[in-house]
């Protein structure tokens, strides 16, 4: 299936298909009035993007052999692609030459310090992948056009199925990615003043 939005964008507009619900303190999506865990939402955005890259034979997730620091995950770029189709999370992958690889860490890490890196990435997915597509009034994440968003339900369900099979097939690789995402988030967050 060819997606009409980036994989991370679909995860953003249909978070209930990709992350467990929470009762409080999570990403809340107005169309569904539910909250989901930011960590798992971000992980689903990233893994869905990698699954879709592999589905289209654009890139492949590979893991290095064990080193003294453990295993590392890399994205091997196999062909050129339109970064608008795959989204914000692929902007650094798009820049590397074909048949070269970039570590998952390097493909995500940005030299900024933020209070909440998970929210930073989720907000960036909205700004780069969804704003300007006509899915939100005044391009505000708080003003979704729910009737229009519901037209993407079939694609979101397809992507969830792709992600589920990808995670089963590449279980070890996905675990390494999750570990590296947590490290990226930790390294991008500002320490509270009393810890500096």
Foldseek 3Di string as FASTA:
>chain_A
DQAPFALLVLCLLVVVLFFPWDPDDADAAVLVRTGGHLLRSLLSSLLLLQLVCVVVPQWHWDWDDQDPVGIWIKIAGADADDQLSNADLCPVVNPDDHRDIDTSLVSPADPAAAAFVSVVVSVRRLVITPQPPPQAVVSDSNGGPSVVSVVCVVVSVVSSVSSVVSCVVPVVSSVNSSVSVVVRRVVRYDDPPVVD
